[in-house]
Amino acid sequence: MYAAHELALTSLVSIRPIQGWQEFLEAGNRYLRTAKGAYINRRKIFTAGILYNIIAMAVEKFVMAALMRHGTMPYNHTMADLVEAMEETFPGALADIREGLLHLDTYQDICDPWEFTIIEPTMDDIQAMLDLAEKLRELVRNDLAK
């Protein structure tokens, strides 16, 4: 066992990207485009709950793209875990959107199949989620995926 002071930290500059990060970025773009189009056209099949899940997939893909680009992965895939991994890798980068991302976890807690919670968002909530996902996309595309 190593003592904490014996471990050397590696600079992010020297870490190699995890292969496939670009595909995650593109998948995030596709999920967000789908959610935006469905929201704008207000097709009945795209309920607020379905749109929430599509937006959450976009957010997850954007986070994964940024983390993989910098050679790291989250411990798990709840929004709290994704935010924690982003904050560890990019300190301060999520300042403006951190709370919004964490709030996404309040709509679904499905980790325990015997005790899960699903709260249906409103269409007003969906607009805010789309705005949040767009901000994350821009952050990842312009700053973190370089």
C-alpha atoms as a PDB file:
ATOM      1  CA  MET A   1       0.000   0.000   0.000  1.00  0.00           C
ATOM      2  CA  TYR A   2       1.272   3.453  -0.873  1.00  0.00           C
ATOM      3  CA  ALA A   3       0.959   6.476   1.339  1.00  0.00           C
ATOM      4  CA  ALA A   4      -0.831   9.386  -0.319  1.00  0.00           C
ATOM      5  CA  HIS A   5       2.330  11.500  -0.307  1.00  0.00           C
ATOM      6  CA  GLU A   6       4.190   8.776  -2.261  1.00  0.00           C
ATOM      7  CA  LEU A   7       1.837   8.872  -5.261  1.00  0.00           C
ATOM      8  CA  ALA A   8       2.755  11.240  -8.061  1.00  0.00           C
ATOM      9  CA  LEU A   9      -0.081  12.972  -9.874  1.00  0.00           C
ATOM     10  CA  THR A  10      -0.022  13.054 -13.648  1.00  0.00           C
ATOM     11  CA  SER A  11      -0.677  16.272 -15.519  1.00  0.00           C
ATOM     12  CA  LEU A  12      -3.715  16.180 -17.816  1.00  0.00           C
ATOM     13  CA  VAL A  13      -1.473  17.335 -20.628  1.00  0.00           C
ATOM     14  CA  SER A  14       0.350  14.009 -20.659  1.00  0.00           C
ATOM     15  CA  ILE A  15      -2.777  11.834 -20.465  1.00  0.00           C
ATOM     16  CA  ARG A  16      -3.802  10.194 -23.712  1.00  0.00           C
ATOM     17  CA  PRO A  17      -7.424  10.450 -24.838  1.00  0.00           C
ATOM     18  CA  ILE A  18      -9.613   7.372 -24.561  1.00  0.00           C
ATOM     19  CA  GLN A  19     -10.469   6.197 -28.054  1.00  0.00           C
ATOM     20  CA  GLY A  20     -13.985   7.006 -29.244  1.00  0.00           C
ATOM     21  CA  TRP A  21     -14.523  10.296 -27.446  1.00  0.00           C
ATOM     22  CA  GLN A  22     -15.526  11.983 -30.725  1.00  0.00           C
ATOM     23  CA  GLU A  23     -18.337   9.455 -31.173  1.00  0.00           C
ATOM     24  CA  PHE A  24     -19.680  10.381 -27.744  1.00  0.00           C
ATOM     25  CA  LEU A  25     -19.621  14.059 -28.708  1.00  0.00           C
ATOM     26  CA  GLU A  26     -21.515  13.347 -31.922  1.00  0.00           C
ATOM     27  CA  ALA A  27     -24.028  11.144 -30.089  1.00  0.00           C
ATOM     28  CA  GLY A  28     -24.642  13.992 -27.648  1.00  0.00           C
ATOM     29  CA  ASN A  29     -25.242  16.342 -30.562  1.00  0.00           C
ATOM     30  CA  ARG A  30     -27.746  13.892 -32.080  1.00  0.00           C
ATOM     31  CA  TYR A  31     -29.628  13.408 -28.808  1.00  0.00           C
ATOM     32  CA  LEU A  32     -29.817  17.165 -28.248  1.00  0.00           C
ATOM     33  CA  ARG A  33     -30.942  17.797 -31.832  1.00  0.00           C
ATOM     34  CA  THR A  34     -33.662  15.146 -31.438  1.00  0.00           C
ATOM     35  CA  ALA A  35     -34.874  16.622 -28.150  1.00  0.00           C
ATOM     36  CA  LYS A  36     -34.934  20.169 -29.544  1.00  0.00           C
ATOM     37  CA  GLY A  37     -36.844  19.117 -32.656  1.00  0.00           C
ATOM     38  CA  ALA A  38     -39.348  17.088 -30.653  1.00  0.00           C
ATOM     39  CA  TYR A  39     -39.870  19.954 -28.205  1.00  0.00           C
ATOM     40  CA  ILE A  40     -40.364  22.540 -30.946  1.00  0.00           C
ATOM     41  CA  ASN A  41     -42.783  20.361 -32.931  1.00  0.00           C
ATOM     42  CA  ARG A  42     -44.670  19.235 -29.787  1.00  0.00           C
ATOM     43  CA  ARG A  43     -45.449  15.764 -31.089  1.00  0.00           C
ATOM     44  CA  LYS A  44     -47.613  13.927 -28.550  1.00  0.00           C
ATOM     45  CA  ILE A  45     -45.373  10.873 -28.511  1.00  0.00           C
ATOM     46  CA  PHE A  46     -42.565  12.970 -27.025  1.00  0.00           C
ATOM     47  CA  THR A  47     -43.859  13.451 -23.490  1.00  0.00           C
ATOM     48  CA  ALA A  48     -41.931  15.563 -21.019  1.00  0.00           C
ATOM     49  CA  GLY A  49     -40.654  12.344 -19.433  1.00  0.00           C
ATOM     50  CA  ILE A  50     -39.326  11.050 -22.733  1.00  0.00           C
ATOM     51  CA  LEU A  51     -37.750  14.416 -23.547  1.00  0.00           C
ATOM     52  CA  TYR A  52     -36.104  14.457 -20.113  1.00  0.00           C
ATOM     53  CA  ASN A  53     -34.489  11.098 -20.830  1.00  0.00           C
ATOM     54  CA  ILE A  54     -33.279  12.164 -24.282  1.00  0.00           C
ATOM     55  CA  ILE A  55     -31.786  15.347 -22.819  1.00  0.00           C
ATOM     56  CA  ALA A  56     -30.167  13.365 -19.994  1.00  0.00           C
ATOM     57  CA  MET A  57     -28.580  11.093 -22.611  1.00  0.00           C
ATOM     58  CA  ALA A  58     -27.229  14.160 -24.436  1.00  0.00           C
ATOM     59  CA  VAL A  59     -25.759  15.507 -21.197  1.00  0.00           C
ATOM     60  CA  GLU A  60     -24.185  12.151 -20.363  1.00  0.00           C
ATOM     61  CA  LYS A  61     -22.639  11.873 -23.839  1.00  0.00           C
ATOM     62  CA  PHE A  62     -21.201  15.408 -23.659  1.00  0.00           C
ATOM     63  CA  VAL A  63     -19.661  14.725 -20.251  1.00  0.00           C
ATOM     64  CA  MET A  64     -18.268  11.381 -21.388  1.00  0.00           C
ATOM     65  CA  ALA A  65     -16.735  13.010 -24.481  1.00  0.00           C
ATOM     66  CA  ALA A  66     -14.958  15.644 -22.382  1.00  0.00           C
ATOM     67  CA  LEU A  67     -13.725  13.140 -19.815  1.00  0.00           C
ATOM     68  CA  MET A  68     -12.604  10.571 -22.384  1.00  0.00           C
ATOM     69  CA  ARG A  69     -10.815  13.294 -24.350  1.00  0.00           C
ATOM     70  CA  HIS A  70      -8.754  13.858 -21.213  1.00  0.00           C
ATOM     71  CA  GLY A  71      -8.192  10.183 -20.469  1.00  0.00           C
ATOM     72  CA  THR A  72     -10.557   9.707 -17.548  1.00  0.00           C
ATOM     73  CA  MET A  73     -13.970   8.265 -16.716  1.00  0.00           C
ATOM     74  CA  PRO A  74     -16.636   8.897 -14.054  1.00  0.00           C
ATOM     75  CA  TYR A  75     -17.175   6.471 -11.186  1.00  0.00           C
ATOM     76  CA  ASN A  76     -20.828   6.056 -12.176  1.00  0.00           C
ATOM     77  CA  HIS A  77     -23.393   7.713 -14.412  1.00  0.00           C
ATOM     78  CA  THR A  78     -25.750   9.620 -12.136  1.00  0.00           C
ATOM     79  CA  MET A  79     -25.675  13.364 -12.728  1.00  0.00           C
ATOM     80  CA  ALA A  80     -23.951  13.787  -9.367  1.00  0.00           C
ATOM     81  CA  ASP A  81     -21.227  11.341 -10.423  1.00  0.00           C
ATOM     82  CA  LEU A  82     -20.820  13.020 -13.811  1.00  0.00           C
ATOM     83  CA  VAL A  83     -20.578  16.470 -12.209  1.00  0.00           C
ATOM     84  CA  GLU A  84     -18.051  15.189  -9.659  1.00  0.00           C
ATOM     85  CA  ALA A  85     -15.855  13.714 -12.402  1.00  0.00           C
ATOM     86  CA  MET A  86     -16.057  16.938 -14.415  1.00  0.00           C
ATOM     87  CA  GLU A  87     -15.132  19.032 -11.381  1.00  0.00           C
ATOM     88  CA  GLU A  88     -12.153  16.793 -10.632  1.00  0.00           C
ATOM     89  CA  THR A  89     -10.952  16.999 -14.229  1.00  0.00           C
ATOM     90  CA  PHE A  90     -11.926  20.601 -15.044  1.00  0.00           C
ATOM     91  CA  PRO A  91     -12.015  22.560 -11.758  1.00  0.00           C
ATOM     92  CA  GLY A  92     -14.408  25.497 -11.970  1.00  0.00           C
ATOM     93  CA  ALA A  93     -15.549  24.806 -15.538  1.00  0.00           C
ATOM     94  CA  LEU A  94     -19.114  23.915 -14.528  1.00  0.00           C
ATOM     95  CA  ALA A  95     -19.604  26.902 -12.229  1.00  0.00           C
ATOM     96  CA  ASP A  96     -22.573  28.337 -14.163  1.00  0.00           C
ATOM     97  CA  ILE A  97     -24.348  25.032 -14.827  1.00  0.00           C
ATOM     98  CA  ARG A  98     -23.376  22.815 -11.897  1.00  0.00           C
ATOM     99  CA  GLU A  99     -26.604  23.221  -9.921  1.00  0.00           C
ATOM    100  CA  GLY A 100     -28.758  22.732 -13.005  1.00  0.00           C
ATOM    101  CA  LEU A 101     -26.989  19.484 -13.829  1.00  0.00           C
ATOM    102  CA  LEU A 102     -27.367  18.232 -10.260  1.00  0.00           C
ATOM    103  CA  HIS A 103     -31.063  19.158 -10.335  1.00  0.00           C
ATOM    104  CA  LEU A 104     -31.585  16.693 -13.201  1.00  0.00           C
ATOM    105  CA  ASP A 105     -31.111  13.850 -10.697  1.00  0.00           C
ATOM    106  CA  THR A 106     -34.252  14.961  -8.824  1.00  0.00           C
ATOM    107  CA  TYR A 107     -36.520  13.722 -11.620  1.00  0.00           C
ATOM    108  CA  GLN A 108     -35.339  10.125 -11.600  1.00  0.00           C
ATOM    109  CA  ASP A 109     -33.681   7.888  -9.063  1.00  0.00           C
ATOM    110  CA  ILE A 110     -33.769   4.469 -10.697  1.00  0.00           C
ATOM    111  CA  CYS A 111     -30.635   2.828  -9.336  1.00  0.00           C
ATOM    112  CA  ASP A 112     -32.550   0.595  -6.920  1.00  0.00           C
ATOM    113  CA  PRO A 113     -35.151  -1.403  -8.899  1.00  0.00           C
ATOM    114  CA  TRP A 114     -37.245  -1.985  -5.737  1.00  0.00           C
ATOM    115  CA  GLU A 115     -37.306   1.609  -4.562  1.00  0.00           C
ATOM    116  CA  PHE A 116     -37.165   4.031  -7.442  1.00  0.00           C
ATOM    117  CA  THR A 117     -38.558   7.519  -7.939  1.00  0.00           C
ATOM    118  CA  ILE A 118     -39.704   9.080 -11.184  1.00  0.00           C
ATOM    119  CA  ILE A 119     -41.098  12.618 -11.245  1.00  0.00           C
ATOM    120  CA  GLU A 120     -42.542  13.789 -14.558  1.00  0.00           C
ATOM    121  CA  PRO A 121     -41.084  17.181 -15.536  1.00  0.00           C
ATOM    122  CA  THR A 122     -43.228  19.904 -17.084  1.00  0.00           C
ATOM    123  CA  MET A 123     -42.676  21.287 -20.569  1.00  0.00           C
ATOM    124  CA  ASP A 124     -41.351  24.458 -18.900  1.00  0.00           C
ATOM    125  CA  ASP A 125     -38.789  22.257 -17.154  1.00  0.00           C
ATOM    126  CA  ILE A 126     -37.876  20.794 -20.545  1.00  0.00           C
ATOM    127  CA  GLN A 127     -37.053  24.225 -21.990  1.00  0.00           C
ATOM    128  CA  ALA A 128     -34.703  24.883 -19.065  1.00  0.00           C
ATOM    129  CA  MET A 129     -33.120  21.442 -19.542  1.00  0.00           C
ATOM    130  CA  LEU A 130     -32.582  22.111 -23.247  1.00  0.00           C
ATOM    131  CA  ASP A 131     -30.891  25.416 -22.405  1.00  0.00           C
ATOM    132  CA  LEU A 132     -28.699  23.648 -19.842  1.00  0.00           C
ATOM    133  CA  ALA A 133     -27.708  20.906 -22.295  1.00  0.00           C
ATOM    134  CA  GLU A 134     -26.883  23.533 -24.915  1.00  0.00           C
ATOM    135  CA  LYS A 135     -24.606  25.379 -22.462  1.00  0.00           C
ATOM    136  CA  LEU A 136     -22.846  22.122 -21.607  1.00  0.00           C
ATOM    137  CA  ARG A 137     -22.460  21.285 -25.298  1.00  0.00           C
ATOM    138  CA  GLU A 138     -20.860  24.651 -25.991  1.00  0.00           C
ATOM    139  CA  LEU A 139     -18.549  24.305 -23.000  1.00  0.00           C
ATOM    140  CA  VAL A 140     -17.413  20.849 -24.090  1.00  0.00           C
ATOM    141  CA  ARG A 141     -17.104  21.717 -27.759  1.00  0.00           C
ATOM    142  CA  ASN A 142     -15.330  25.049 -27.319  1.00  0.00           C
ATOM    143  CA  ASP A 143     -13.254  24.535 -24.191  1.00  0.00           C
ATOM    144  CA  LEU A 144     -12.961  20.993 -22.907  1.00  0.00           C
ATOM    145  CA  ALA A 145     -12.654  18.801 -25.984  1.00  0.00           C
ATOM    146  CA  LYS A 146      -9.533  20.519 -27.306  1.00  0.00           C
END
